[in-house]
Amino acid sequence: IMFYKKDLFIHNEFTIENNNSHTNITCPYCEKGELLFDSKKEKMLGDEKYNKQLRQSPDYDSDFERYYFLINLICSDHQCKENILVAGIITEHQIYGDNEGNGFQETTYKPTYFSKSPHIISIESSYPKDIIQLLESSFELFWVDKMSCANKIRICLESLMD
């Protein structure tokens, strides 16, 4: 029986608030630990041409500027401690908590690449090796092209039926 990891599958992003390191993404290596944000190894690059054009607009709002990220996530399980490299699009928003302007910064990471993709469908060790490889291949495609991901899952199901 396969179980969808609904939160990861639906939202396709994660947020980090006030330097909190939690992502709520399960480690794809050990399937036990949570992937934690390593702020010491974060790189952020702006899309300068796009942002320059945006700043010239009369309706300019810095919330719409485009940035890219490259971060390292580390498994929280003390026996695993694997590193996962993640790249994608980043947005930052000021969240106001009251009428006096007090609030916090929320950073949203929308991944387009994982060096080892999180499992969006649970994988049991009893599955045939070729099925596991097809599923893991589909997980990698999920972040880039949802239709290709769905096609890999279809191939996986056809292989199971054969």
Foldseek 3Di string as FASTA:
>chain_A
DKDFPPVCLPPLKAKDWPNFFFGPFADQPPSPFGWTWDVVFKDKAFPVVVVVVLVPDPPRDQQPTKMKMWTWTFTPPPVGRDIKIWIAIKGKDFDADDPVRDTTIMMMGNTLAIPFAGQRMDDDPPDDPVLVVLRSVLRGCSSHPPVVSVVSVVVSVVVVVD
